[in-house]
Amino acid sequence: MGLEIGAALLFAGTVAAVGGTGYNAYAGAKAAKASRRAESLRQRQMNLDSAMKRREILRKVQLSRSQALSRTTQSGASSSSALGGAFGEIAQRGGEDVNYNEFSTDVGNDLFRANRDFTTWRSNAETGQGIANLGMNLIQSTPTLTSIGTEAFGKKPGSSTSPGYRGPYISSIY
């Protein structure tokens, strides 16, 4: 009677370990997927902000060019080199701002890519750890499982008196 209860508890524990490992892997994969989706949305938002900033820079360049043209025309110097110099300086500042914005966006995209990779590998590591824990639980349960098998079938597994045991396979070629 005690052996049947022990066997039932061992079986229930094994089922719980296998089920828990499976659920852990499933939940870990779902969490990784949700994290990747959140990273993707944050990256999309960053790219939208970057595009808006780029348009803002271009608007400022256009406004500055218009103001420079207006000032030189009012002062009567629209045909002088002052206007060309002002336009050159405005274009240079605008180009620097656009380049900085593009560089920041590239760095941000690299960061998002690294975060996605980290999330994926962390999820894989957690799944591997769950499987390793299940394996260790089964290894630690081997003596108990063996004794349950002996009680259930009346013979020691692998003994020559076990029903259906014919010994190791030996090919007739040798």
N, C-alpha and C. Protein backbone atom coordinates (compact mmCIF):
# COMPACT_ATOMS: atom_id res chain seq x y z
N MET A 1 0.82 -1.20 0.00
CA MET A 1 0.00 0.00 0.00
C MET A 1 0.86 1.25 0.00
N GLY A 2 1.89 1.27 0.83
CA GLY A 2 2.76 2.43 0.90
C GLY A 2 3.52 2.66 -0.39
N LEU A 3 3.87 1.54 -1.06
CA LEU A 3 4.61 1.64 -2.31
C LEU A 3 3.74 2.27 -3.40
N GLU A 4 2.44 1.94 -3.43
CA GLU A 4 1.55 2.50 -4.42
C GLU A 4 1.41 4.02 -4.23
N ILE A 5 1.33 4.45 -2.99
CA ILE A 5 1.23 5.88 -2.71
C ILE A 5 2.52 6.57 -3.11
N GLY A 6 3.66 5.96 -2.78
CA GLY A 6 4.96 6.52 -3.16
C GLY A 6 5.10 6.60 -4.67
N ALA A 7 4.66 5.54 -5.35
CA ALA A 7 4.75 5.54 -6.81
C ALA A 7 3.85 6.62 -7.39
N ALA A 8 2.66 6.76 -6.84
CA ALA A 8 1.73 7.78 -7.34
C ALA A 8 2.30 9.18 -7.11
N LEU A 9 2.89 9.40 -5.94
CA LEU A 9 3.49 10.70 -5.66
C LEU A 9 4.68 10.98 -6.58
N LEU A 10 5.50 9.95 -6.81
CA LEU A 10 6.64 10.11 -7.71
C LEU A 10 6.17 10.41 -9.12
N PHE A 11 5.16 9.68 -9.56
CA PHE A 11 4.61 9.92 -10.90
C PHE A 11 4.05 11.33 -10.99
N ALA A 12 3.30 11.75 -9.98
CA ALA A 12 2.73 13.10 -9.97
C ALA A 12 3.85 14.15 -9.98
N GLY A 13 4.90 13.91 -9.21
CA GLY A 13 6.03 14.84 -9.20
C GLY A 13 6.73 14.93 -10.55
N THR A 14 6.88 13.77 -11.20
CA THR A 14 7.50 13.76 -12.52
C THR A 14 6.64 14.49 -13.53
N VAL A 15 5.34 14.23 -13.49
CA VAL A 15 4.42 14.93 -14.40
C VAL A 15 4.46 16.43 -14.13
N ALA A 16 4.50 16.82 -12.87
CA ALA A 16 4.56 18.25 -12.53
C ALA A 16 5.88 18.86 -13.03
N ALA A 17 6.98 18.14 -12.89
CA ALA A 17 8.27 18.65 -13.36
C ALA A 17 8.28 18.81 -14.87
N VAL A 18 7.76 17.80 -15.57
CA VAL A 18 7.71 17.88 -17.04
C VAL A 18 6.75 19.00 -17.46
N GLY A 19 5.58 19.05 -16.84
CA GLY A 19 4.62 20.10 -17.17
C GLY A 19 5.15 21.48 -16.83
N GLY A 20 5.81 21.60 -15.69
CA GLY A 20 6.38 22.89 -15.29
C GLY A 20 7.48 23.33 -16.23
N THR A 21 8.31 22.39 -16.66
CA THR A 21 9.36 22.73 -17.62
C THR A 21 8.76 23.17 -18.94
N GLY A 22 7.75 22.43 -19.39
CA GLY A 22 7.08 22.81 -20.65
C GLY A 22 6.43 24.17 -20.55
N TYR A 23 5.74 24.41 -19.44
CA TYR A 23 5.09 25.71 -19.27
C TYR A 23 6.12 26.83 -19.15
N ASN A 24 7.22 26.55 -18.45
CA ASN A 24 8.29 27.53 -18.32
C ASN A 24 8.84 27.91 -19.70
N ALA A 25 9.05 26.90 -20.54
CA ALA A 25 9.55 27.17 -21.90
C ALA A 25 8.52 27.96 -22.70
N TYR A 26 7.25 27.58 -22.58
CA TYR A 26 6.18 28.27 -23.30
C TYR A 26 6.07 29.73 -22.84
N ALA A 27 6.05 29.94 -21.52
CA ALA A 27 5.92 31.29 -20.98
C ALA A 27 7.16 32.13 -21.31
N GLY A 28 8.33 31.51 -21.26
CA GLY A 28 9.54 32.23 -21.61
C GLY A 28 9.53 32.68 -23.06
N ALA A 29 9.04 31.81 -23.95
CA ALA A 29 8.95 32.17 -25.37
C ALA A 29 7.94 33.30 -25.57
N LYS A 30 6.82 33.22 -24.87
CA LYS A 30 5.81 34.29 -24.98
C LYS A 30 6.36 35.61 -24.44
N ALA A 31 7.07 35.56 -23.32
CA ALA A 31 7.64 36.78 -22.75
C ALA A 31 8.68 37.38 -23.69
N ALA A 32 9.49 36.52 -24.29
CA ALA A 32 10.50 37.01 -25.24
C ALA A 32 9.83 37.65 -26.45
N LYS A 33 8.75 37.03 -26.91
CA LYS A 33 8.04 37.58 -28.07
C LYS A 33 7.43 38.94 -27.72
N ALA A 34 6.85 39.05 -26.55
CA ALA A 34 6.26 40.32 -26.11
C ALA A 34 7.35 41.39 -25.95
N SER A 35 8.49 40.99 -25.42
CA SER A 35 9.59 41.94 -25.25
C SER A 35 10.10 42.41 -26.60
N ARG A 36 10.23 41.47 -27.56
CA ARG A 36 10.68 41.86 -28.90
C ARG A 36 9.67 42.80 -29.55
N ARG A 37 8.39 42.55 -29.34
CA ARG A 37 7.36 43.43 -29.90
C ARG A 37 7.44 44.82 -29.29
N ALA A 38 7.63 44.89 -27.98
CA ALA A 38 7.77 46.19 -27.31
C ALA A 38 9.01 46.92 -27.82
N GLU A 39 10.11 46.20 -27.99
CA GLU A 39 11.33 46.82 -28.52
C GLU A 39 11.08 47.33 -29.94
N SER A 40 10.36 46.55 -30.71
CA SER A 40 10.06 46.96 -32.09
C SER A 40 9.21 48.23 -32.11
N LEU A 41 8.24 48.31 -31.22
CA LEU A 41 7.40 49.51 -31.14
C LEU A 41 8.21 50.73 -30.67
N ARG A 42 9.10 50.52 -29.69
CA ARG A 42 9.95 51.63 -29.24
C ARG A 42 10.88 52.09 -30.36
N GLN A 43 11.39 51.13 -31.12
CA GLN A 43 12.25 51.48 -32.25
C GLN A 43 11.46 52.25 -33.31
N ARG A 44 10.26 51.81 -33.58
CA ARG A 44 9.41 52.52 -34.54
C ARG A 44 9.16 53.95 -34.08
N GLN A 45 8.88 54.12 -32.79
CA GLN A 45 8.65 55.45 -32.23
C GLN A 45 9.91 56.31 -32.37
N MET A 46 11.08 55.71 -32.10
CA MET A 46 12.33 56.45 -32.23
C MET A 46 12.53 56.90 -33.67
N ASN A 47 12.24 56.01 -34.64
CA ASN A 47 12.39 56.37 -36.05
C ASN A 47 11.41 57.46 -36.46
N LEU A 48 10.20 57.43 -35.92
CA LEU A 48 9.23 58.50 -36.19
C LEU A 48 9.73 59.83 -35.62
N ASP A 49 10.25 59.80 -34.39
CA ASP A 49 10.80 61.02 -33.79
C ASP A 49 11.99 61.54 -34.61
N SER A 50 12.80 60.63 -35.10
CA SER A 50 13.96 61.03 -35.90
C SER A 50 13.51 61.69 -37.20
N ALA A 51 12.50 61.11 -37.85
CA ALA A 51 11.99 61.70 -39.10
C ALA A 51 11.39 63.08 -38.83
N MET A 52 10.68 63.22 -37.71
CA MET A 52 10.11 64.51 -37.35
C MET A 52 11.22 65.54 -37.09
N LYS A 53 12.26 65.11 -36.40
CA LYS A 53 13.40 66.00 -36.13
C LYS A 53 14.08 66.42 -37.43
N ARG A 54 14.24 65.48 -38.36
CA ARG A 54 14.86 65.79 -39.64
C ARG A 54 14.04 66.83 -40.41
N ARG A 55 12.72 66.67 -40.41
CA ARG A 55 11.85 67.66 -41.07
C ARG A 55 11.95 69.02 -40.38
N GLU A 56 12.03 69.00 -39.06
CA GLU A 56 12.17 70.25 -38.31
C GLU A 56 13.47 70.96 -38.68
N ILE A 57 14.54 70.20 -38.80
CA ILE A 57 15.84 70.78 -39.19
C ILE A 57 15.73 71.41 -40.58
N LEU A 58 15.12 70.70 -41.50
CA LEU A 58 14.98 71.23 -42.87
C LEU A 58 14.11 72.49 -42.89
N ARG A 59 13.05 72.52 -42.07
CA ARG A 59 12.22 73.73 -41.98
C ARG A 59 13.03 74.91 -41.45
N LYS A 60 13.87 74.64 -40.43
CA LYS A 60 14.70 75.71 -39.88
C LYS A 60 15.70 76.22 -40.92
N VAL A 61 16.25 75.31 -41.71
CA VAL A 61 17.18 75.72 -42.77
C VAL A 61 16.45 76.61 -43.77
N GLN A 62 15.26 76.20 -44.18
CA GLN A 62 14.49 77.01 -45.13
C GLN A 62 14.15 78.38 -44.54
N LEU A 63 13.75 78.39 -43.27
CA LEU A 63 13.42 79.65 -42.61
C LEU A 63 14.66 80.55 -42.52
N SER A 64 15.78 79.97 -42.15
CA SER A 64 17.01 80.75 -42.06
C SER A 64 17.41 81.30 -43.42
N ARG A 65 17.26 80.52 -44.46
CA ARG A 65 17.60 81.00 -45.82
C ARG A 65 16.67 82.16 -46.20
N SER A 66 15.39 82.02 -45.89
CA SER A 66 14.44 83.09 -46.21
C SER A 66 14.77 84.36 -45.45
N GLN A 67 15.09 84.21 -44.17
CA GLN A 67 15.44 85.38 -43.36
C GLN A 67 16.72 86.03 -43.87
N ALA A 68 17.69 85.24 -44.26
CA ALA A 68 18.94 85.79 -44.78
C ALA A 68 18.68 86.54 -46.09
N LEU A 69 17.85 85.97 -46.95
CA LEU A 69 17.52 86.62 -48.22
C LEU A 69 16.78 87.93 -47.96
N SER A 70 15.85 87.90 -47.01
CA SER A 70 15.07 89.09 -46.68
C SER A 70 15.99 90.20 -46.14
N ARG A 71 16.89 89.85 -45.21
CA ARG A 71 17.79 90.86 -44.62
C ARG A 71 18.72 91.46 -45.68
N THR A 72 19.30 90.61 -46.53
CA THR A 72 20.23 91.16 -47.53
C THR A 72 19.50 91.98 -48.58
N THR A 73 18.27 91.60 -48.89
CA THR A 73 17.49 92.37 -49.87
C THR A 73 17.12 93.73 -49.28
N GLN A 74 16.72 93.76 -47.99
CA GLN A 74 16.36 95.03 -47.34
C GLN A 74 17.56 95.96 -47.24
N SER A 75 18.74 95.41 -47.05
CA SER A 75 19.93 96.25 -46.92
C SER A 75 20.55 96.57 -48.27
N GLY A 76 19.98 96.02 -49.33
CA GLY A 76 20.48 96.29 -50.67
C GLY A 76 21.70 95.48 -51.04
N ALA A 77 21.99 94.42 -50.30
CA ALA A 77 23.19 93.62 -50.58
C ALA A 77 22.84 92.26 -51.18
N SER A 78 21.68 92.15 -51.80
CA SER A 78 21.25 90.85 -52.32
C SER A 78 22.13 90.35 -53.46
N SER A 79 22.83 91.25 -54.11
CA SER A 79 23.70 90.81 -55.21
C SER A 79 25.14 90.63 -54.75
N SER A 80 25.41 90.85 -53.47
CA SER A 80 26.78 90.71 -52.98
C SER A 80 27.06 89.27 -52.56
N SER A 81 28.28 89.01 -52.20
CA SER A 81 28.68 87.67 -51.76
C SER A 81 28.20 87.36 -50.34
N ALA A 82 27.68 88.34 -49.64
CA ALA A 82 27.18 88.13 -48.27
C ALA A 82 26.04 87.12 -48.27
N LEU A 83 25.19 87.21 -49.27
CA LEU A 83 24.05 86.27 -49.33
C LEU A 83 24.55 84.85 -49.55
N GLY A 84 25.49 84.68 -50.45
CA GLY A 84 26.06 83.35 -50.70
C GLY A 84 26.75 82.79 -49.47
N GLY A 85 27.46 83.64 -48.75
CA GLY A 85 28.13 83.22 -47.51
C GLY A 85 27.12 82.80 -46.45
N ALA A 86 26.04 83.58 -46.34
CA ALA A 86 25.00 83.25 -45.36
C ALA A 86 24.35 81.91 -45.72
N PHE A 87 24.05 81.75 -47.01
CA PHE A 87 23.44 80.49 -47.45
C PHE A 87 24.38 79.30 -47.17
N GLY A 88 25.66 79.50 -47.40
CA GLY A 88 26.63 78.44 -47.15
C GLY A 88 26.69 78.05 -45.69
N GLU A 89 26.70 79.06 -44.81
CA GLU A 89 26.75 78.78 -43.37
C GLU A 89 25.47 78.08 -42.91
N ILE A 90 24.34 78.53 -43.43
CA ILE A 90 23.05 77.91 -43.06
C ILE A 90 23.03 76.45 -43.52
N ALA A 91 23.47 76.21 -44.75
CA ALA A 91 23.49 74.84 -45.27
C ALA A 91 24.42 73.96 -44.45
N GLN A 92 25.57 74.51 -44.05
CA GLN A 92 26.52 73.73 -43.26
C GLN A 92 25.92 73.35 -41.92
N ARG A 93 25.32 74.31 -41.22
CA ARG A 93 24.71 74.00 -39.91
C ARG A 93 23.57 72.99 -40.06
N GLY A 94 22.76 73.18 -41.10
CA GLY A 94 21.66 72.24 -41.33
C GLY A 94 22.18 70.84 -41.63
N GLY A 95 23.23 70.75 -42.44
CA GLY A 95 23.82 69.45 -42.75
C GLY A 95 24.40 68.78 -41.52
N GLU A 96 25.05 69.55 -40.66
CA GLU A 96 25.59 68.98 -39.42
C GLU A 96 24.47 68.45 -38.54
N ASP A 97 23.39 69.21 -38.44
CA ASP A 97 22.26 68.77 -37.61
C ASP A 97 21.63 67.49 -38.17
N VAL A 98 21.47 67.44 -39.49
CA VAL A 98 20.89 66.24 -40.11
C VAL A 98 21.82 65.05 -39.91
N ASN A 99 23.13 65.24 -40.08
CA ASN A 99 24.09 64.15 -39.88
C ASN A 99 24.06 63.64 -38.45
N TYR A 100 24.00 64.55 -37.48
CA TYR A 100 23.93 64.13 -36.08
C TYR A 100 22.65 63.33 -35.83
N ASN A 101 21.55 63.81 -36.38
CA ASN A 101 20.28 63.12 -36.22
C ASN A 101 20.35 61.71 -36.81
N GLU A 102 20.93 61.58 -38.00
CA GLU A 102 21.06 60.27 -38.65
C GLU A 102 21.97 59.34 -37.84
N PHE A 103 23.07 59.89 -37.32
CA PHE A 103 23.99 59.09 -36.52
C PHE A 103 23.29 58.60 -35.25
N SER A 104 22.54 59.48 -34.60
CA SER A 104 21.81 59.08 -33.38
C SER A 104 20.79 57.99 -33.69
N THR A 105 20.13 58.11 -34.83
CA THR A 105 19.15 57.09 -35.22
C THR A 105 19.84 55.76 -35.46
N ASP A 106 21.00 55.78 -36.12
CA ASP A 106 21.74 54.53 -36.37
C ASP A 106 22.16 53.87 -35.07
N VAL A 107 22.65 54.66 -34.13
CA VAL A 107 23.06 54.12 -32.83
C VAL A 107 21.83 53.54 -32.12
N GLY A 108 20.72 54.25 -32.16
CA GLY A 108 19.49 53.75 -31.54
C GLY A 108 19.03 52.44 -32.16
N ASN A 109 19.10 52.34 -33.48
CA ASN A 109 18.71 51.09 -34.15
C ASN A 109 19.63 49.95 -33.74
N ASP A 110 20.93 50.21 -33.63
CA ASP A 110 21.87 49.18 -33.16
C ASP A 110 21.54 48.74 -31.74
N LEU A 111 21.17 49.69 -30.90
CA LEU A 111 20.81 49.36 -29.52
C LEU A 111 19.55 48.50 -29.47
N PHE A 112 18.57 48.83 -30.27
CA PHE A 112 17.35 48.02 -30.30
C PHE A 112 17.65 46.61 -30.81
N ARG A 113 18.50 46.49 -31.80
CA ARG A 113 18.89 45.18 -32.33
C ARG A 113 19.59 44.35 -31.24
N ALA A 114 20.47 44.99 -30.49
CA ALA A 114 21.17 44.30 -29.41
C ALA A 114 20.20 43.86 -28.32
N ASN A 115 19.23 44.70 -28.00
CA ASN A 115 18.23 44.33 -26.98
C ASN A 115 17.39 43.15 -27.44
N ARG A 116 17.02 43.12 -28.73
CA ARG A 116 16.25 41.98 -29.26
C ARG A 116 17.08 40.70 -29.17
N ASP A 117 18.36 40.78 -29.54
CA ASP A 117 19.22 39.60 -29.46
C ASP A 117 19.36 39.13 -28.02
N PHE A 118 19.53 40.06 -27.09
CA PHE A 118 19.66 39.71 -25.68
C PHE A 118 18.40 39.00 -25.19
N THR A 119 17.25 39.54 -25.54
CA THR A 119 15.99 38.93 -25.10
C THR A 119 15.84 37.52 -25.64
N THR A 120 16.18 37.34 -26.89
CA THR A 120 16.07 36.01 -27.51
C THR A 120 17.00 35.02 -26.82
N TRP A 121 18.25 35.41 -26.62
CA TRP A 121 19.20 34.49 -26.00
C TRP A 121 18.89 34.23 -24.53
N ARG A 122 18.38 35.24 -23.83
CA ARG A 122 17.99 35.02 -22.43
C ARG A 122 16.86 34.01 -22.35
N SER A 123 15.88 34.13 -23.25
CA SER A 123 14.78 33.17 -23.29
C SER A 123 15.28 31.77 -23.59
N ASN A 124 16.20 31.66 -24.54
CA ASN A 124 16.78 30.34 -24.87
C ASN A 124 17.51 29.76 -23.67
N ALA A 125 18.24 30.61 -22.95
CA ALA A 125 18.98 30.14 -21.77
C ALA A 125 18.02 29.66 -20.68
N GLU A 126 16.92 30.38 -20.49
CA GLU A 126 15.94 29.97 -19.47
C GLU A 126 15.29 28.65 -19.85
N THR A 127 15.01 28.46 -21.13
CA THR A 127 14.44 27.19 -21.58
C THR A 127 15.43 26.06 -21.35
N GLY A 128 16.69 26.30 -21.71
CA GLY A 128 17.73 25.29 -21.47
C GLY A 128 17.87 24.95 -20.00
N GLN A 129 17.80 25.96 -19.14
CA GLN A 129 17.90 25.72 -17.70
C GLN A 129 16.73 24.88 -17.21
N GLY A 130 15.54 25.16 -17.72
CA GLY A 130 14.37 24.37 -17.33
C GLY A 130 14.52 22.91 -17.73
N ILE A 131 15.03 22.67 -18.93
CA ILE A 131 15.23 21.29 -19.40
C ILE A 131 16.32 20.61 -18.58
N ALA A 132 17.38 21.35 -18.26
CA ALA A 132 18.45 20.79 -17.42
C ALA A 132 17.91 20.43 -16.04
N ASN A 133 17.07 21.28 -15.47
CA ASN A 133 16.47 20.98 -14.16
C ASN A 133 15.61 19.73 -14.22
N LEU A 134 14.84 19.59 -15.29
CA LEU A 134 14.03 18.38 -15.45
C LEU A 134 14.93 17.16 -15.52
N GLY A 135 15.99 17.25 -16.32
CA GLY A 135 16.93 16.12 -16.42
C GLY A 135 17.53 15.76 -15.08
N MET A 136 17.94 16.76 -14.32
CA MET A 136 18.51 16.50 -13.00
C MET A 136 17.49 15.85 -12.06
N ASN A 137 16.24 16.31 -12.13
CA ASN A 137 15.19 15.70 -11.30
C ASN A 137 14.99 14.23 -11.67
N LEU A 138 15.02 13.95 -12.96
CA LEU A 138 14.85 12.56 -13.39
C LEU A 138 16.04 11.70 -12.97
N ILE A 139 17.25 12.26 -13.07
CA ILE A 139 18.44 11.51 -12.64
C ILE A 139 18.37 11.22 -11.15
N GLN A 140 17.97 12.22 -10.36
CA GLN A 140 17.87 12.03 -8.92
C GLN A 140 16.75 11.05 -8.56
N SER A 141 15.77 10.91 -9.43
CA SER A 141 14.65 10.01 -9.16
C SER A 141 14.90 8.60 -9.67
N THR A 142 16.02 8.36 -10.33
CA THR A 142 16.28 7.05 -10.94
C THR A 142 16.19 5.91 -9.93
N PRO A 143 16.80 6.00 -8.74
CA PRO A 143 16.69 4.87 -7.80
C PRO A 143 15.23 4.58 -7.43
N THR A 144 14.46 5.61 -7.21
CA THR A 144 13.06 5.42 -6.84
C THR A 144 12.27 4.83 -8.01
N LEU A 145 12.53 5.35 -9.21
CA LEU A 145 11.84 4.81 -10.38
C LEU A 145 12.21 3.35 -10.62
N THR A 146 13.47 3.02 -10.37
CA THR A 146 13.91 1.63 -10.53
C THR A 146 13.20 0.72 -9.54
N SER A 147 13.10 1.17 -8.29
CA SER A 147 12.43 0.33 -7.29
C SER A 147 10.94 0.19 -7.59
N ILE A 148 10.34 1.22 -8.12
CA ILE A 148 8.93 1.13 -8.51
C ILE A 148 8.78 0.13 -9.66
N GLY A 149 9.70 0.19 -10.63
CA GLY A 149 9.65 -0.77 -11.74
C GLY A 149 9.83 -2.18 -11.25
N THR A 150 10.73 -2.39 -10.29
CA THR A 150 10.96 -3.72 -9.74
C THR A 150 9.70 -4.24 -9.05
N GLU A 151 9.06 -3.38 -8.27
CA GLU A 151 7.84 -3.77 -7.57
C GLU A 151 6.70 -4.02 -8.55
N ALA A 152 6.60 -3.18 -9.57
CA ALA A 152 5.49 -3.29 -10.50
C ALA A 152 5.60 -4.54 -11.37
N PHE A 153 6.82 -4.88 -11.79
CA PHE A 153 6.99 -5.99 -12.72
C PHE A 153 7.59 -7.23 -12.06
N GLY A 154 7.95 -7.10 -10.81
CA GLY A 154 8.42 -8.25 -10.06
C GLY A 154 9.86 -8.64 -10.34
N LYS A 155 10.53 -8.03 -11.26
CA LYS A 155 11.91 -8.38 -11.59
C LYS A 155 12.73 -7.11 -11.68
N LYS A 156 13.99 -7.27 -11.54
CA LYS A 156 14.90 -6.14 -11.69
C LYS A 156 15.04 -5.85 -13.18
N PRO A 157 14.84 -4.59 -13.61
CA PRO A 157 14.97 -4.30 -15.04
C PRO A 157 16.36 -4.69 -15.54
N GLY A 158 16.38 -5.38 -16.68
CA GLY A 158 17.65 -5.77 -17.28
C GLY A 158 18.16 -7.11 -16.80
N SER A 159 17.50 -7.73 -15.82
CA SER A 159 17.99 -9.04 -15.36
C SER A 159 17.56 -10.09 -16.39
N SER A 160 18.28 -11.19 -16.39
CA SER A 160 18.02 -12.22 -17.40
C SER A 160 16.68 -12.90 -17.19
N THR A 161 16.06 -12.73 -16.02
CA THR A 161 14.77 -13.36 -15.77
C THR A 161 13.60 -12.45 -16.07
N SER A 162 13.90 -11.22 -16.53
CA SER A 162 12.81 -10.31 -16.88
C SER A 162 12.10 -10.83 -18.11
N PRO A 163 10.76 -10.74 -18.15
CA PRO A 163 10.04 -11.23 -19.32
C PRO A 163 10.44 -10.44 -20.56
N GLY A 164 10.70 -11.14 -21.63
CA GLY A 164 11.02 -10.51 -22.89
C GLY A 164 12.47 -10.10 -23.02
N TYR A 165 13.29 -10.28 -22.00
CA TYR A 165 14.68 -9.88 -22.09
C TYR A 165 15.46 -10.98 -22.78
N ARG A 166 16.20 -10.65 -23.79
CA ARG A 166 16.97 -11.63 -24.53
C ARG A 166 18.47 -11.34 -24.48
N GLY A 167 18.86 -10.40 -23.67
CA GLY A 167 20.28 -10.08 -23.57
C GLY A 167 20.68 -9.06 -24.61
N PRO A 168 21.94 -8.69 -24.60
CA PRO A 168 22.38 -7.69 -25.56
C PRO A 168 22.30 -8.23 -26.98
N TYR A 169 22.04 -7.36 -27.90
CA TYR A 169 21.94 -7.74 -29.31
C TYR A 169 23.33 -8.06 -29.83
N ILE A 170 23.47 -9.23 -30.38
CA ILE A 170 24.75 -9.62 -30.97
C ILE A 170 24.47 -10.02 -32.41
N SER A 171 25.13 -9.37 -33.30
CA SER A 171 24.91 -9.62 -34.72
C SER A 171 25.54 -10.96 -35.10
N SER A 172 24.92 -11.62 -36.03
CA SER A 172 25.46 -12.91 -36.49
C SER A 172 26.66 -12.73 -37.40
N ILE A 173 26.98 -11.47 -37.74
CA ILE A 173 28.12 -11.20 -38.60
C ILE A 173 29.43 -11.50 -37.87
N TYR A 174 29.45 -11.28 -36.58
CA TYR A 174 30.70 -11.47 -35.84
C TYR A 174 30.94 -12.92 -35.55
